[in-house]
Amino acid sequence: MILPLNPWLLLGLAIVAEVIGTSALKASDGFTRLGPSALVVIGYGVSFYCLALVLRSIPVGVAYAVWSGLGIVLITLVAHVVYQQSIDLAGLIGMGLIIAGVLVLNLFSRSAGH
């Protein structure tokens, strides 16, 4: 059992674990490398476990928007740094719109459960 933590902190942990799992997915080379493959399973397992705990107190739409939106941005940054994958202007604008959407949802929407 996990200690009672702030749901937003748990959501952050879920996002980081998902980014680790997705980064390892690329490194697993189609699940042919044991270490990265194990990291995929662990990363996604931790991510979904934390996300399930988060959903006890944060509405599913809000939690998923934050989880997926920030996950997209972070994995794109990791892919750029670790795998030298380029990001063009349209990609940067799109990620900016994702971040803006997450902020609007959390700061101004009544569905965020503030």
N, C-alpha and C. Protein backbone atom coordinates (compact mmCIF):
# COMPACT_ATOMS: atom_id res chain seq x y z
N MET A 1 0.85 -1.19 0.00
CA MET A 1 0.00 0.00 0.00
C MET A 1 0.88 1.23 0.00
N ILE A 2 0.51 2.21 -0.78
CA ILE A 2 1.27 3.44 -0.89
C ILE A 2 0.80 4.42 0.20
N LEU A 3 1.72 5.19 0.72
CA LEU A 3 1.37 6.20 1.71
C LEU A 3 0.41 7.21 1.11
N PRO A 4 -0.48 7.78 1.92
CA PRO A 4 -1.39 8.79 1.37
C PRO A 4 -0.59 10.01 0.91
N LEU A 5 -0.62 10.25 -0.38
CA LEU A 5 0.09 11.37 -0.96
C LEU A 5 -0.88 12.31 -1.65
N ASN A 6 -0.46 13.52 -1.86
CA ASN A 6 -1.22 14.48 -2.63
C ASN A 6 -1.52 13.87 -4.00
N PRO A 7 -2.77 13.90 -4.45
CA PRO A 7 -3.09 13.28 -5.75
C PRO A 7 -2.34 13.91 -6.92
N TRP A 8 -2.00 15.19 -6.82
CA TRP A 8 -1.25 15.83 -7.90
C TRP A 8 0.19 15.34 -7.92
N LEU A 9 0.74 15.06 -6.76
CA LEU A 9 2.08 14.46 -6.69
C LEU A 9 2.06 13.05 -7.28
N LEU A 10 1.02 12.28 -6.95
CA LEU A 10 0.87 10.95 -7.53
C LEU A 10 0.70 11.02 -9.04
N LEU A 11 -0.02 12.02 -9.51
CA LEU A 11 -0.19 12.19 -10.95
C LEU A 11 1.15 12.50 -11.61
N GLY A 12 1.96 13.32 -10.96
CA GLY A 12 3.31 13.60 -11.47
C GLY A 12 4.15 12.33 -11.53
N LEU A 13 4.04 11.49 -10.51
CA LEU A 13 4.76 10.22 -10.50
C LEU A 13 4.27 9.32 -11.63
N ALA A 14 2.96 9.29 -11.85
CA ALA A 14 2.39 8.50 -12.94
C ALA A 14 2.93 8.96 -14.29
N ILE A 15 3.05 10.26 -14.46
CA ILE A 15 3.55 10.81 -15.72
C ILE A 15 5.02 10.43 -15.91
N VAL A 16 5.83 10.61 -14.89
CA VAL A 16 7.25 10.28 -14.99
C VAL A 16 7.44 8.79 -15.28
N ALA A 17 6.68 7.94 -14.59
CA ALA A 17 6.79 6.49 -14.82
C ALA A 17 6.38 6.13 -16.24
N GLU A 18 5.36 6.78 -16.76
CA GLU A 18 4.92 6.52 -18.15
C GLU A 18 5.99 6.96 -19.14
N VAL A 19 6.61 8.08 -18.90
CA VAL A 19 7.67 8.57 -19.79
C VAL A 19 8.87 7.61 -19.76
N ILE A 20 9.20 7.11 -18.59
CA ILE A 20 10.28 6.13 -18.47
C ILE A 20 9.92 4.86 -19.25
N GLY A 21 8.69 4.38 -19.06
CA GLY A 21 8.25 3.18 -19.77
C GLY A 21 8.26 3.36 -21.27
N THR A 22 7.80 4.50 -21.75
CA THR A 22 7.77 4.75 -23.19
C THR A 22 9.18 4.90 -23.75
N SER A 23 10.05 5.56 -23.02
CA SER A 23 11.45 5.68 -23.46
C SER A 23 12.10 4.30 -23.54
N ALA A 24 11.81 3.46 -22.56
CA ALA A 24 12.36 2.10 -22.56
C ALA A 24 11.75 1.26 -23.68
N LEU A 25 10.52 1.58 -24.08
CA LEU A 25 9.88 0.85 -25.17
C LEU A 25 10.69 0.99 -26.45
N LYS A 26 11.17 2.17 -26.72
CA LYS A 26 12.04 2.39 -27.88
C LYS A 26 13.33 1.60 -27.72
N ALA A 27 13.91 1.63 -26.53
CA ALA A 27 15.18 0.95 -26.27
C ALA A 27 15.04 -0.57 -26.25
N SER A 28 13.82 -1.08 -26.04
CA SER A 28 13.62 -2.53 -25.96
C SER A 28 13.81 -3.22 -27.31
N ASP A 29 13.79 -2.43 -28.39
CA ASP A 29 13.98 -2.96 -29.74
C ASP A 29 12.98 -4.09 -30.02
N GLY A 30 11.70 -3.75 -29.86
CA GLY A 30 10.65 -4.73 -30.13
C GLY A 30 10.60 -5.84 -29.10
N PHE A 31 10.92 -5.53 -27.88
CA PHE A 31 10.96 -6.48 -26.75
C PHE A 31 12.00 -7.58 -26.95
N THR A 32 13.08 -7.26 -27.66
CA THR A 32 14.16 -8.24 -27.83
C THR A 32 15.29 -8.03 -26.83
N ARG A 33 15.26 -6.94 -26.08
CA ARG A 33 16.27 -6.67 -25.05
C ARG A 33 15.60 -6.72 -23.69
N LEU A 34 16.10 -7.61 -22.83
CA LEU A 34 15.44 -7.90 -21.55
C LEU A 34 15.37 -6.70 -20.61
N GLY A 35 16.48 -6.01 -20.39
CA GLY A 35 16.50 -4.89 -19.44
C GLY A 35 15.49 -3.80 -19.78
N PRO A 36 15.56 -3.23 -20.99
CA PRO A 36 14.58 -2.22 -21.35
C PRO A 36 13.14 -2.75 -21.38
N SER A 37 12.97 -4.02 -21.77
CA SER A 37 11.62 -4.61 -21.79
C SER A 37 11.04 -4.67 -20.37
N ALA A 38 11.87 -5.06 -19.41
CA ALA A 38 11.42 -5.09 -18.01
C ALA A 38 11.08 -3.68 -17.53
N LEU A 39 11.86 -2.69 -17.94
CA LEU A 39 11.61 -1.31 -17.55
C LEU A 39 10.28 -0.81 -18.13
N VAL A 40 9.93 -1.28 -19.32
CA VAL A 40 8.63 -0.93 -19.92
C VAL A 40 7.51 -1.41 -19.02
N VAL A 41 7.56 -2.68 -18.65
CA VAL A 41 6.50 -3.27 -17.83
C VAL A 41 6.42 -2.59 -16.47
N ILE A 42 7.56 -2.36 -15.85
CA ILE A 42 7.58 -1.70 -14.54
C ILE A 42 7.09 -0.26 -14.65
N GLY A 43 7.59 0.47 -15.65
CA GLY A 43 7.19 1.87 -15.83
C GLY A 43 5.70 2.02 -16.04
N TYR A 44 5.14 1.20 -16.94
CA TYR A 44 3.70 1.29 -17.19
C TYR A 44 2.90 0.79 -15.99
N GLY A 45 3.41 -0.23 -15.30
CA GLY A 45 2.72 -0.73 -14.12
C GLY A 45 2.63 0.33 -13.03
N VAL A 46 3.75 0.99 -12.74
CA VAL A 46 3.76 2.06 -11.74
C VAL A 46 2.86 3.20 -12.20
N SER A 47 2.94 3.54 -13.47
CA SER A 47 2.14 4.64 -13.99
C SER A 47 0.65 4.39 -13.82
N PHE A 48 0.19 3.23 -14.25
CA PHE A 48 -1.25 2.94 -14.16
C PHE A 48 -1.71 2.75 -12.72
N TYR A 49 -0.85 2.21 -11.87
CA TYR A 49 -1.21 2.08 -10.45
C TYR A 49 -1.41 3.47 -9.83
N CYS A 50 -0.44 4.36 -10.08
CA CYS A 50 -0.56 5.72 -9.53
C CYS A 50 -1.77 6.45 -10.12
N LEU A 51 -1.98 6.27 -11.42
CA LEU A 51 -3.13 6.91 -12.07
C LEU A 51 -4.44 6.40 -11.46
N ALA A 52 -4.51 5.11 -11.17
CA ALA A 52 -5.71 4.56 -10.55
C ALA A 52 -5.96 5.19 -9.18
N LEU A 53 -4.88 5.42 -8.41
CA LEU A 53 -5.03 6.07 -7.10
C LEU A 53 -5.46 7.53 -7.26
N VAL A 54 -4.92 8.19 -8.26
CA VAL A 54 -5.27 9.59 -8.53
C VAL A 54 -6.76 9.73 -8.82
N LEU A 55 -7.32 8.74 -9.53
CA LEU A 55 -8.72 8.84 -9.94
C LEU A 55 -9.70 8.74 -8.77
N ARG A 56 -9.20 8.45 -7.58
CA ARG A 56 -10.05 8.49 -6.39
C ARG A 56 -10.44 9.92 -6.04
N SER A 57 -9.62 10.89 -6.45
CA SER A 57 -9.91 12.27 -6.02
C SER A 57 -9.88 13.30 -7.15
N ILE A 58 -9.33 12.97 -8.30
CA ILE A 58 -9.31 13.91 -9.43
C ILE A 58 -10.20 13.32 -10.52
N PRO A 59 -11.10 14.12 -11.09
CA PRO A 59 -11.97 13.60 -12.14
C PRO A 59 -11.16 12.96 -13.29
N VAL A 60 -11.68 11.89 -13.84
CA VAL A 60 -10.95 11.12 -14.84
C VAL A 60 -10.57 11.96 -16.06
N GLY A 61 -11.45 12.82 -16.51
CA GLY A 61 -11.14 13.65 -17.67
C GLY A 61 -9.98 14.59 -17.43
N VAL A 62 -9.96 15.19 -16.26
CA VAL A 62 -8.89 16.11 -15.89
C VAL A 62 -7.59 15.35 -15.71
N ALA A 63 -7.63 14.25 -14.97
CA ALA A 63 -6.41 13.47 -14.72
C ALA A 63 -5.83 12.97 -16.03
N TYR A 64 -6.68 12.46 -16.91
CA TYR A 64 -6.18 11.92 -18.17
C TYR A 64 -5.64 13.03 -19.07
N ALA A 65 -6.28 14.18 -19.06
CA ALA A 65 -5.79 15.30 -19.87
C ALA A 65 -4.39 15.71 -19.42
N VAL A 66 -4.19 15.82 -18.12
CA VAL A 66 -2.89 16.20 -17.59
C VAL A 66 -1.87 15.09 -17.86
N TRP A 67 -2.24 13.84 -17.57
CA TRP A 67 -1.35 12.69 -17.75
C TRP A 67 -0.90 12.54 -19.20
N SER A 68 -1.87 12.58 -20.10
CA SER A 68 -1.51 12.38 -21.51
C SER A 68 -0.83 13.61 -22.09
N GLY A 69 -1.33 14.80 -21.77
CA GLY A 69 -0.75 16.02 -22.33
C GLY A 69 0.69 16.24 -21.90
N LEU A 70 0.94 16.18 -20.61
CA LEU A 70 2.31 16.38 -20.14
C LEU A 70 3.20 15.20 -20.53
N GLY A 71 2.61 14.01 -20.60
CA GLY A 71 3.37 12.85 -21.06
C GLY A 71 3.86 13.03 -22.49
N ILE A 72 3.00 13.55 -23.36
CA ILE A 72 3.37 13.80 -24.75
C ILE A 72 4.53 14.78 -24.82
N VAL A 73 4.43 15.86 -24.08
CA VAL A 73 5.48 16.87 -24.11
C VAL A 73 6.80 16.30 -23.57
N LEU A 74 6.73 15.62 -22.44
CA LEU A 74 7.96 15.08 -21.84
C LEU A 74 8.60 14.00 -22.70
N ILE A 75 7.80 13.10 -23.27
CA ILE A 75 8.40 12.04 -24.09
C ILE A 75 9.00 12.63 -25.36
N THR A 76 8.41 13.69 -25.88
CA THR A 76 8.99 14.35 -27.04
C THR A 76 10.34 14.97 -26.69
N LEU A 77 10.43 15.57 -25.53
CA LEU A 77 11.71 16.14 -25.08
C LEU A 77 12.75 15.05 -24.83
N VAL A 78 12.35 13.95 -24.22
CA VAL A 78 13.27 12.83 -23.99
C VAL A 78 13.74 12.26 -25.32
N ALA A 79 12.82 12.08 -26.26
CA ALA A 79 13.19 11.56 -27.58
C ALA A 79 14.17 12.49 -28.29
N HIS A 80 14.01 13.78 -28.09
CA HIS A 80 14.92 14.74 -28.70
C HIS A 80 16.32 14.62 -28.10
N VAL A 81 16.40 14.51 -26.78
CA VAL A 81 17.68 14.46 -26.07
C VAL A 81 18.34 13.08 -26.21
N VAL A 82 17.59 12.02 -25.96
CA VAL A 82 18.17 10.68 -25.90
C VAL A 82 18.34 10.07 -27.29
N TYR A 83 17.33 10.23 -28.15
CA TYR A 83 17.34 9.56 -29.46
C TYR A 83 17.60 10.52 -30.62
N GLN A 84 17.94 11.77 -30.31
CA GLN A 84 18.24 12.79 -31.31
C GLN A 84 17.13 12.94 -32.36
N GLN A 85 15.88 12.79 -31.93
CA GLN A 85 14.75 12.98 -32.83
C GLN A 85 14.41 14.47 -32.85
N SER A 86 14.28 15.01 -34.05
CA SER A 86 14.07 16.46 -34.16
C SER A 86 12.61 16.84 -33.92
N ILE A 87 12.43 18.08 -33.51
CA ILE A 87 11.12 18.66 -33.29
C ILE A 87 11.03 19.90 -34.17
N ASP A 88 10.04 19.94 -35.05
CA ASP A 88 9.91 21.12 -35.93
C ASP A 88 8.99 22.15 -35.30
N LEU A 89 8.85 23.26 -35.98
CA LEU A 89 8.05 24.37 -35.45
C LEU A 89 6.61 23.96 -35.21
N ALA A 90 6.04 23.22 -36.15
CA ALA A 90 4.64 22.77 -35.99
C ALA A 90 4.51 21.89 -34.75
N GLY A 91 5.48 21.04 -34.50
CA GLY A 91 5.47 20.20 -33.32
C GLY A 91 5.55 21.02 -32.04
N LEU A 92 6.41 22.02 -32.03
CA LEU A 92 6.52 22.90 -30.87
C LEU A 92 5.23 23.66 -30.62
N ILE A 93 4.61 24.15 -31.70
CA ILE A 93 3.34 24.87 -31.55
C ILE A 93 2.27 23.92 -31.01
N GLY A 94 2.21 22.71 -31.54
CA GLY A 94 1.24 21.72 -31.08
C GLY A 94 1.42 21.41 -29.60
N MET A 95 2.66 21.23 -29.18
CA MET A 95 2.91 20.96 -27.75
C MET A 95 2.55 22.17 -26.90
N GLY A 96 2.79 23.35 -27.41
CA GLY A 96 2.37 24.55 -26.69
C GLY A 96 0.86 24.60 -26.52
N LEU A 97 0.13 24.19 -27.56
CA LEU A 97 -1.33 24.15 -27.46
C LEU A 97 -1.80 23.09 -26.46
N ILE A 98 -1.09 21.97 -26.40
CA ILE A 98 -1.42 20.93 -25.41
C ILE A 98 -1.25 21.48 -24.00
N ILE A 99 -0.12 22.13 -23.76
CA ILE A 99 0.14 22.71 -22.44
C ILE A 99 -0.90 23.77 -22.12
N ALA A 100 -1.24 24.60 -23.10
CA ALA A 100 -2.26 25.63 -22.88
C ALA A 100 -3.60 24.99 -22.53
N GLY A 101 -3.96 23.92 -23.21
CA GLY A 101 -5.21 23.23 -22.92
C GLY A 101 -5.25 22.66 -21.52
N VAL A 102 -4.15 22.06 -21.10
CA VAL A 102 -4.07 21.51 -19.74
C VAL A 102 -4.20 22.64 -18.72
N LEU A 103 -3.54 23.76 -18.97
CA LEU A 103 -3.63 24.89 -18.05
C LEU A 103 -5.04 25.46 -17.98
N VAL A 104 -5.68 25.63 -19.13
CA VAL A 104 -7.05 26.16 -19.15
C VAL A 104 -7.97 25.22 -18.39
N LEU A 105 -7.83 23.93 -18.63
CA LEU A 105 -8.66 22.94 -17.95
C LEU A 105 -8.49 23.03 -16.44
N ASN A 106 -7.27 23.15 -15.99
CA ASN A 106 -7.01 23.15 -14.55
C ASN A 106 -7.26 24.49 -13.88
N LEU A 107 -7.04 25.57 -14.58
CA LEU A 107 -7.20 26.88 -13.96
C LEU A 107 -8.61 27.46 -14.07
N PHE A 108 -9.34 27.12 -15.14
CA PHE A 108 -10.60 27.80 -15.39
C PHE A 108 -11.82 26.90 -15.45
N SER A 109 -11.62 25.60 -15.62
CA SER A 109 -12.78 24.70 -15.77
C SER A 109 -13.30 24.28 -14.41
N ARG A 110 -14.61 24.24 -14.29
CA ARG A 110 -15.23 23.76 -13.06
C ARG A 110 -15.10 22.25 -12.94
N SER A 111 -14.84 21.57 -14.05
CA SER A 111 -14.73 20.10 -14.01
C SER A 111 -13.43 19.65 -13.35
N ALA A 112 -12.50 20.57 -13.10
CA ALA A 112 -11.23 20.20 -12.49
C ALA A 112 -11.39 19.89 -11.00
N GLY A 113 -12.53 20.16 -10.42
CA GLY A 113 -12.78 19.79 -9.02
C GLY A 113 -12.00 20.60 -8.01
N HIS A 114 -11.81 21.87 -8.25
CA HIS A 114 -11.05 22.72 -7.31
C HIS A 114 -11.90 23.07 -6.12
